[in-house]
Amino acid sequence: MVALKLGRIGNSVGAVFPKEALARMNVDQGDVLYLTEAPGGYRLTPYEPQFEAQMEAARRIMKTRRNALRELAKE
């Protein structure tokens, strides 16, 4: 668990993240993070949930239709 301290940034409130947490999430200043509801609270992630769901569907299709995709790639 990582504790974040909230502070005032202009008219807004922001959080300061430790370098280790940013490195683990593979994000840097200016990147976008997504705050989504999760069981028991919230989840902060650098991945867009809708895009991640679409990619998971694409991975399943690519796995089950591997031969058809290989033939299409030849053309």
PDB file of N, CA and C in Angstrom:
ATOM      1  N   MET A   1       0.848  -1.167   0.000  1.00  0.00           N
ATOM      2  CA  MET A   1       0.000   0.000   0.000  1.00  0.00           C
ATOM      3  C   MET A   1       0.895   1.231   0.000  1.00  0.00           C
ATOM      4  N   VAL A   2       0.466   2.236  -0.751  1.00  0.00           N
ATOM      5  CA  VAL A   2       1.199   3.497  -0.816  1.00  0.00           C
ATOM      6  C   VAL A   2       0.261   4.609  -0.359  1.00  0.00           C
ATOM      7  N   ALA A   3       0.683   5.398   0.616  1.00  0.00           N
ATOM      8  CA  ALA A   3      -0.116   6.530   1.088  1.00  0.00           C
ATOM      9  C   ALA A   3       0.216   7.752   0.232  1.00  0.00           C
ATOM     10  N   LEU A   4      -0.807   8.454  -0.218  1.00  0.00           N
ATOM     11  CA  LEU A   4      -0.636   9.661  -1.019  1.00  0.00           C
ATOM     12  C   LEU A   4      -1.122  10.853  -0.228  1.00  0.00           C
ATOM     13  N   LYS A   5      -0.378  11.928  -0.286  1.00  0.00           N
ATOM     14  CA  LYS A   5      -0.775  13.147   0.415  1.00  0.00           C
ATOM     15  C   LYS A   5      -1.378  14.093  -0.605  1.00  0.00           C
ATOM     16  N   LEU A   6      -2.567  14.618  -0.282  1.00  0.00           N
ATOM     17  CA  LEU A   6      -3.239  15.568  -1.153  1.00  0.00           C
ATOM     18  C   LEU A   6      -2.797  16.971  -0.815  1.00  0.00           C
ATOM     19  N   GLY A   7      -2.619  17.780  -1.839  1.00  0.00           N
ATOM     20  CA  GLY A   7      -2.213  19.164  -1.636  1.00  0.00           C
ATOM     21  C   GLY A   7      -2.885  20.073  -2.644  1.00  0.00           C
ATOM     22  N   ARG A   8      -2.934  21.343  -2.330  1.00  0.00           N
ATOM     23  CA  ARG A   8      -3.559  22.314  -3.218  1.00  0.00           C
ATOM     24  C   ARG A   8      -2.602  22.646  -4.349  1.00  0.00           C
ATOM     25  N   ILE A   9      -3.134  22.615  -5.577  1.00  0.00           N
ATOM     26  CA  ILE A   9      -2.391  23.007  -6.772  1.00  0.00           C
ATOM     27  C   ILE A   9      -3.272  24.025  -7.493  1.00  0.00           C
ATOM     28  N   GLY A  10      -3.006  25.295  -7.291  1.00  0.00           N
ATOM     29  CA  GLY A  10      -3.878  26.339  -7.841  1.00  0.00           C
ATOM     30  C   GLY A  10      -5.241  26.255  -7.183  1.00  0.00           C
ATOM     31  N   ASN A  11      -6.303  26.158  -8.001  1.00  0.00           N
ATOM     32  CA  ASN A  11      -7.666  26.021  -7.475  1.00  0.00           C
ATOM     33  C   ASN A  11      -8.086  24.566  -7.366  1.00  0.00           C
ATOM     34  N   SER A  12      -7.181  23.642  -7.609  1.00  0.00           N
ATOM     35  CA  SER A  12      -7.493  22.215  -7.597  1.00  0.00           C
ATOM     36  C   SER A  12      -6.763  21.523  -6.452  1.00  0.00           C
ATOM     37  N   VAL A  13      -7.001  20.231  -6.327  1.00  0.00           N
ATOM     38  CA  VAL A  13      -6.309  19.400  -5.350  1.00  0.00           C
ATOM     39  C   VAL A  13      -5.597  18.296  -6.124  1.00  0.00           C
ATOM     40  N   GLY A  14      -4.345  18.041  -5.783  1.00  0.00           N
ATOM     41  CA  GLY A  14      -3.563  17.017  -6.466  1.00  0.00           C
ATOM     42  C   GLY A  14      -2.885  16.104  -5.482  1.00  0.00           C
ATOM     43  N   ALA A  15      -2.402  14.978  -5.990  1.00  0.00           N
ATOM     44  CA  ALA A  15      -1.696  14.001  -5.167  1.00  0.00           C
ATOM     45  C   ALA A  15      -0.256  13.890  -5.650  1.00  0.00           C
ATOM     46  N   VAL A  16       0.656  13.649  -4.724  1.00  0.00           N
ATOM     47  CA  VAL A  16       2.066  13.456  -5.046  1.00  0.00           C
ATOM     48  C   VAL A  16       2.339  11.954  -4.980  1.00  0.00           C
ATOM     49  N   PHE A  17       2.872  11.410  -6.081  1.00  0.00           N
ATOM     50  CA  PHE A  17       3.153   9.981  -6.163  1.00  0.00           C
ATOM     51  C   PHE A  17       4.653   9.739  -5.991  1.00  0.00           C
ATOM     52  N   PRO A  18       5.019   8.730  -5.225  1.00  0.00           N
ATOM     53  CA  PRO A  18       6.436   8.382  -5.099  1.00  0.00           C
ATOM     54  C   PRO A  18       6.986   7.867  -6.437  1.00  0.00           C
ATOM     55  N   LYS A  19       8.286   8.072  -6.668  1.00  0.00           N
ATOM     56  CA  LYS A  19       8.927   7.622  -7.910  1.00  0.00           C
ATOM     57  C   LYS A  19       8.705   6.135  -8.148  1.00  0.00           C
ATOM     58  N   GLU A  20       8.765   5.339  -7.095  1.00  0.00           N
ATOM     59  CA  GLU A  20       8.625   3.895  -7.237  1.00  0.00           C
ATOM     60  C   GLU A  20       7.236   3.529  -7.768  1.00  0.00           C
ATOM     61  N   ALA A  21       6.204   4.225  -7.296  1.00  0.00           N
ATOM     62  CA  ALA A  21       4.843   3.939  -7.761  1.00  0.00           C
ATOM     63  C   ALA A  21       4.690   4.325  -9.228  1.00  0.00           C
ATOM     64  N   LEU A  22       5.256   5.470  -9.628  1.00  0.00           N
ATOM     65  CA  LEU A  22       5.182   5.900 -11.027  1.00  0.00           C
ATOM     66  C   LEU A  22       5.918   4.914 -11.934  1.00  0.00           C
ATOM     67  N   ALA A  23       7.069   4.434 -11.484  1.00  0.00           N
ATOM     68  CA  ALA A  23       7.837   3.478 -12.281  1.00  0.00           C
ATOM     69  C   ALA A  23       7.078   2.169 -12.425  1.00  0.00           C
ATOM     70  N   ARG A  24       6.453   1.728 -11.361  1.00  0.00           N
ATOM     71  CA  ARG A  24       5.700   0.467 -11.416  1.00  0.00           C
ATOM     72  C   ARG A  24       4.495   0.570 -12.337  1.00  0.00           C
ATOM     73  N   MET A  25       3.846   1.738 -12.382  1.00  0.00           N
ATOM     74  CA  MET A  25       2.708   1.939 -13.294  1.00  0.00           C
ATOM     75  C   MET A  25       3.164   2.323 -14.690  1.00  0.00           C
ATOM     76  N   ASN A  26       4.463   2.562 -14.862  1.00  0.00           N
ATOM     77  CA  ASN A  26       5.041   2.964 -16.146  1.00  0.00           C
ATOM     78  C   ASN A  26       4.412   4.265 -16.659  1.00  0.00           C
ATOM     79  N   VAL A  27       4.298   5.262 -15.772  1.00  0.00           N
ATOM     80  CA  VAL A  27       3.749   6.566 -16.133  1.00  0.00           C
ATOM     81  C   VAL A  27       4.723   7.663 -15.714  1.00  0.00           C
ATOM     82  N   ASP A  28       4.530   8.834 -16.299  1.00  0.00           N
ATOM     83  CA  ASP A  28       5.371   9.979 -15.996  1.00  0.00           C
ATOM     84  C   ASP A  28       4.502  11.224 -16.019  1.00  0.00           C
ATOM     85  N   GLN A  29       5.103  12.345 -15.705  1.00  0.00           N
ATOM     86  CA  GLN A  29       4.384  13.610 -15.687  1.00  0.00           C
ATOM     87  C   GLN A  29       3.695  13.844 -17.032  1.00  0.00           C
ATOM     88  N   GLY A  30       2.420  14.223 -16.996  1.00  0.00           N
ATOM     89  CA  GLY A  30       1.656  14.494 -18.206  1.00  0.00           C
ATOM     90  C   GLY A  30       0.832  13.316 -18.704  1.00  0.00           C
ATOM     91  N   ASP A  31       1.119  12.102 -18.212  1.00  0.00           N
ATOM     92  CA  ASP A  31       0.326  10.938 -18.607  1.00  0.00           C
ATOM     93  C   ASP A  31      -1.050  10.994 -17.944  1.00  0.00           C
ATOM     94  N   VAL A  32      -1.992  10.237 -18.490  1.00  0.00           N
ATOM     95  CA  VAL A  32      -3.364  10.208 -17.974  1.00  0.00           C
ATOM     96  C   VAL A  32      -3.555   8.931 -17.158  1.00  0.00           C
ATOM     97  N   LEU A  33      -4.161   9.078 -15.974  1.00  0.00           N
ATOM     98  CA  LEU A  33      -4.551   7.942 -15.148  1.00  0.00           C
ATOM     99  C   LEU A  33      -6.071   7.902 -15.090  1.00  0.00           C
ATOM    100  N   TYR A  34      -6.629   6.711 -14.947  1.00  0.00           N
ATOM    101  CA  TYR A  34      -8.079   6.535 -14.896  1.00  0.00           C
ATOM    102  C   TYR A  34      -8.483   6.044 -13.513  1.00  0.00           C
ATOM    103  N   LEU A  35      -9.457   6.711 -12.922  1.00  0.00           N
ATOM    104  CA  LEU A  35      -9.996   6.343 -11.621  1.00  0.00           C
ATOM    105  C   LEU A  35     -11.340   5.678 -11.865  1.00  0.00           C
ATOM    106  N   THR A  36     -11.429   4.382 -11.556  1.00  0.00           N
ATOM    107  CA  THR A  36     -12.669   3.640 -11.782  1.00  0.00           C
ATOM    108  C   THR A  36     -13.155   3.052 -10.470  1.00  0.00           C
ATOM    109  N   GLU A  37     -14.463   2.865 -10.390  1.00  0.00           N
ATOM    110  CA  GLU A  37     -15.014   2.234  -9.192  1.00  0.00           C
ATOM    111  C   GLU A  37     -14.662   0.761  -9.200  1.00  0.00           C
ATOM    112  N   ALA A  38     -14.364   0.250  -8.031  1.00  0.00           N
ATOM    113  CA  ALA A  38     -14.025  -1.162  -7.857  1.00  0.00           C
ATOM    114  C   ALA A  38     -14.716  -1.651  -6.585  1.00  0.00           C
ATOM    115  N   PRO A  39     -14.849  -2.957  -6.436  1.00  0.00           N
ATOM    116  CA  PRO A  39     -15.447  -3.472  -5.199  1.00  0.00           C
ATOM    117  C   PRO A  39     -14.680  -2.958  -3.981  1.00  0.00           C
ATOM    118  N   GLY A  40     -15.375  -2.298  -3.099  1.00  0.00           N
ATOM    119  CA  GLY A  40     -14.755  -1.805  -1.877  1.00  0.00           C
ATOM    120  C   GLY A  40     -14.036  -0.475  -2.002  1.00  0.00           C
ATOM    121  N   GLY A  41     -14.130   0.197  -3.151  1.00  0.00           N
ATOM    122  CA  GLY A  41     -13.465   1.490  -3.278  1.00  0.00           C
ATOM    123  C   GLY A  41     -13.238   1.895  -4.725  1.00  0.00           C
ATOM    124  N   TYR A  42     -12.041   2.379  -5.000  1.00  0.00           N
ATOM    125  CA  TYR A  42     -11.690   2.848  -6.341  1.00  0.00           C
ATOM    126  C   TYR A  42     -10.386   2.210  -6.790  1.00  0.00           C
ATOM    127  N   ARG A  43     -10.163   2.254  -8.092  1.00  0.00           N
ATOM    128  CA  ARG A  43      -8.929   1.720  -8.684  1.00  0.00           C
ATOM    129  C   ARG A  43      -8.327   2.788  -9.581  1.00  0.00           C
ATOM    130  N   LEU A  44      -7.039   3.016  -9.447  1.00  0.00           N
ATOM    131  CA  LEU A  44      -6.316   3.992 -10.256  1.00  0.00           C
ATOM    132  C   LEU A  44      -5.403   3.225 -11.203  1.00  0.00           C
ATOM    133  N   THR A  45      -5.573   3.451 -12.506  1.00  0.00           N
ATOM    134  CA  THR A  45      -4.819   2.693 -13.488  1.00  0.00           C
ATOM    135  C   THR A  45      -4.439   3.569 -14.679  1.00  0.00           C
ATOM    136  N   PRO A  46      -3.303   3.273 -15.332  1.00  0.00           N
ATOM    137  CA  PRO A  46      -2.935   4.031 -16.523  1.00  0.00           C
ATOM    138  C   PRO A  46      -3.633   3.519 -17.776  1.00  0.00           C
ATOM    139  N   TYR A  47      -4.430   2.451 -17.654  1.00  0.00           N
ATOM    140  CA  TYR A  47      -5.093   1.852 -18.802  1.00  0.00           C
ATOM    141  C   TYR A  47      -6.557   2.248 -18.855  1.00  0.00           C
ATOM    142  N   GLU A  48      -7.017   2.620 -20.045  1.00  0.00           N
ATOM    143  CA  GLU A  48      -8.428   2.965 -20.212  1.00  0.00           C
ATOM    144  C   GLU A  48      -9.243   1.674 -20.164  1.00  0.00           C
ATOM    145  N   PRO A  49     -10.165   1.547 -19.218  1.00  0.00           N
ATOM    146  CA  PRO A  49     -10.901   0.290 -19.035  1.00  0.00           C
ATOM    147  C   PRO A  49     -11.631  -0.183 -20.294  1.00  0.00           C
ATOM    148  N   GLN A  50     -12.276   0.716 -21.024  1.00  0.00           N
ATOM    149  CA  GLN A  50     -13.021   0.312 -22.219  1.00  0.00           C
ATOM    150  C   GLN A  50     -12.060  -0.214 -23.289  1.00  0.00           C
ATOM    151  N   PHE A  51     -10.942   0.463 -23.487  1.00  0.00           N
ATOM    152  CA  PHE A  51      -9.962   0.016 -24.467  1.00  0.00           C
ATOM    153  C   PHE A  51      -9.387  -1.334 -24.058  1.00  0.00           C
ATOM    154  N   GLU A  52      -9.136  -1.521 -22.770  1.00  0.00           N
ATOM    155  CA  GLU A  52      -8.588  -2.786 -22.283  1.00  0.00           C
ATOM    156  C   GLU A  52      -9.573  -3.925 -22.551  1.00  0.00           C
ATOM    157  N   ALA A  53     -10.870  -3.681 -22.364  1.00  0.00           N
ATOM    158  CA  ALA A  53     -11.880  -4.705 -22.646  1.00  0.00           C
ATOM    159  C   ALA A  53     -11.904  -5.045 -24.133  1.00  0.00           C
ATOM    160  N   GLN A  54     -11.776  -4.041 -24.989  1.00  0.00           N
ATOM    161  CA  GLN A  54     -11.745  -4.275 -26.431  1.00  0.00           C
ATOM    162  C   GLN A  54     -10.516  -5.088 -26.822  1.00  0.00           C
ATOM    163  N   MET A  55      -9.371  -4.778 -26.224  1.00  0.00           N
ATOM    164  CA  MET A  55      -8.150  -5.514 -26.537  1.00  0.00           C
ATOM    165  C   MET A  55      -8.245  -6.966 -26.069  1.00  0.00           C
ATOM    166  N   GLU A  56      -8.875  -7.202 -24.957  1.00  0.00           N
ATOM    167  CA  GLU A  56      -9.049  -8.571 -24.472  1.00  0.00           C
ATOM    168  C   GLU A  56      -9.919  -9.370 -25.441  1.00  0.00           C
ATOM    169  N   ALA A  57     -10.984  -8.743 -25.951  1.00  0.00           N
ATOM    170  CA  ALA A  57     -11.832  -9.404 -26.951  1.00  0.00           C
ATOM    171  C   ALA A  57     -11.027  -9.700 -28.212  1.00  0.00           C
ATOM    172  N   ALA A  58     -10.200  -8.751 -28.643  1.00  0.00           N
ATOM    173  CA  ALA A  58      -9.371  -8.949 -29.836  1.00  0.00           C
ATOM    174  C   ALA A  58      -8.378 -10.094 -29.619  1.00  0.00           C
ATOM    175  N   ARG A  59      -7.795 -10.181 -28.426  1.00  0.00           N
ATOM    176  CA  ARG A  59      -6.848 -11.270 -28.142  1.00  0.00           C
ATOM    177  C   ARG A  59      -7.530 -12.633 -28.232  1.00  0.00           C
ATOM    178  N   ARG A  60      -8.768 -12.719 -27.710  1.00  0.00           N
ATOM    179  CA  ARG A  60      -9.505 -13.981 -27.782  1.00  0.00           C
ATOM    180  C   ARG A  60      -9.773 -14.366 -29.236  1.00  0.00           C
ATOM    181  N   ILE A  61     -10.180 -13.398 -30.047  1.00  0.00           N
ATOM    182  CA  ILE A  61     -10.462 -13.663 -31.463  1.00  0.00           C
ATOM    183  C   ILE A  61      -9.186 -14.081 -32.185  1.00  0.00           C
ATOM    184  N   MET A  62      -8.087 -13.367 -31.915  1.00  0.00           N
ATOM    185  CA  MET A  62      -6.826 -13.699 -32.580  1.00  0.00           C
ATOM    186  C   MET A  62      -6.352 -15.104 -32.202  1.00  0.00           C
ATOM    187  N   LYS A  63      -6.641 -15.518 -30.987  1.00  0.00           N
ATOM    188  CA  LYS A  63      -6.221 -16.846 -30.556  1.00  0.00           C
ATOM    189  C   LYS A  63      -7.066 -17.927 -31.219  1.00  0.00           C
ATOM    190  N   THR A  64      -8.380 -17.722 -31.290  1.00  0.00           N
ATOM    191  CA  THR A  64      -9.257 -18.751 -31.847  1.00  0.00           C
ATOM    192  C   THR A  64      -9.262 -18.749 -33.374  1.00  0.00           C
ATOM    193  N   ARG A  65      -8.954 -17.629 -34.001  1.00  0.00           N
ATOM    194  CA  ARG A  65      -8.986 -17.526 -35.468  1.00  0.00           C
ATOM    195  C   ARG A  65      -7.588 -17.316 -36.043  1.00  0.00           C
ATOM    196  N   ARG A  66      -6.601 -17.894 -35.403  1.00  0.00           N
ATOM    197  CA  ARG A  66      -5.203 -17.706 -35.798  1.00  0.00           C
ATOM    198  C   ARG A  66      -4.958 -18.061 -37.266  1.00  0.00           C
ATOM    199  N   ASN A  67      -5.470 -19.193 -37.734  1.00  0.00           N
ATOM    200  CA  ASN A  67      -5.236 -19.643 -39.108  1.00  0.00           C
ATOM    201  C   ASN A  67      -5.879 -18.687 -40.120  1.00  0.00           C
ATOM    202  N   ALA A  68      -7.076 -18.251 -39.847  1.00  0.00           N
ATOM    203  CA  ALA A  68      -7.758 -17.323 -40.765  1.00  0.00           C
ATOM    204  C   ALA A  68      -6.988 -15.997 -40.837  1.00  0.00           C
ATOM    205  N   LEU A  69      -6.518 -15.502 -39.723  1.00  0.00           N
ATOM    206  CA  LEU A  69      -5.766 -14.249 -39.718  1.00  0.00           C
ATOM    207  C   LEU A  69      -4.423 -14.409 -40.438  1.00  0.00           C
ATOM    208  N   ARG A  70      -3.817 -15.571 -40.309  1.00  0.00           N
ATOM    209  CA  ARG A  70      -2.565 -15.827 -41.008  1.00  0.00           C
ATOM    210  C   ARG A  70      -2.779 -15.790 -42.520  1.00  0.00           C
ATOM    211  N   GLU A  71      -3.880 -16.392 -42.992  1.00  0.00           N
ATOM    212  CA  GLU A  71      -4.184 -16.378 -44.422  1.00  0.00           C
ATOM    213  C   GLU A  71      -4.474 -14.957 -44.907  1.00  0.00           C
ATOM    214  N   LEU A  72      -5.196 -14.183 -44.114  1.00  0.00           N
ATOM    215  CA  LEU A  72      -5.488 -12.795 -44.491  1.00  0.00           C
ATOM    216  C   LEU A  72      -4.223 -11.956 -44.560  1.00  0.00           C
ATOM    217  N   ALA A  73      -3.264 -12.258 -43.708  1.00  0.00           N
ATOM    218  CA  ALA A  73      -2.017 -11.485 -43.683  1.00  0.00           C
ATOM    219  C   ALA A  73      -1.168 -11.737 -44.916  1.00  0.00           C
ATOM    220  N   LYS A  74      -1.373 -12.842 -45.597  1.00  0.00           N
ATOM    221  CA  LYS A  74      -0.592 -13.183 -46.791  1.00  0.00           C
ATOM    222  C   LYS A  74      -0.937 -12.285 -47.965  1.00  0.00           C
ATOM    223  N   GLU A  75      -2.140 -11.782 -47.995  1.00  0.00           N
ATOM    224  CA  GLU A  75      -2.579 -10.977 -49.140  1.00  0.00           C
ATOM    225  C   GLU A  75      -2.077  -9.570 -49.113  1.00  0.00           C
TER     226      GLU A  75
END
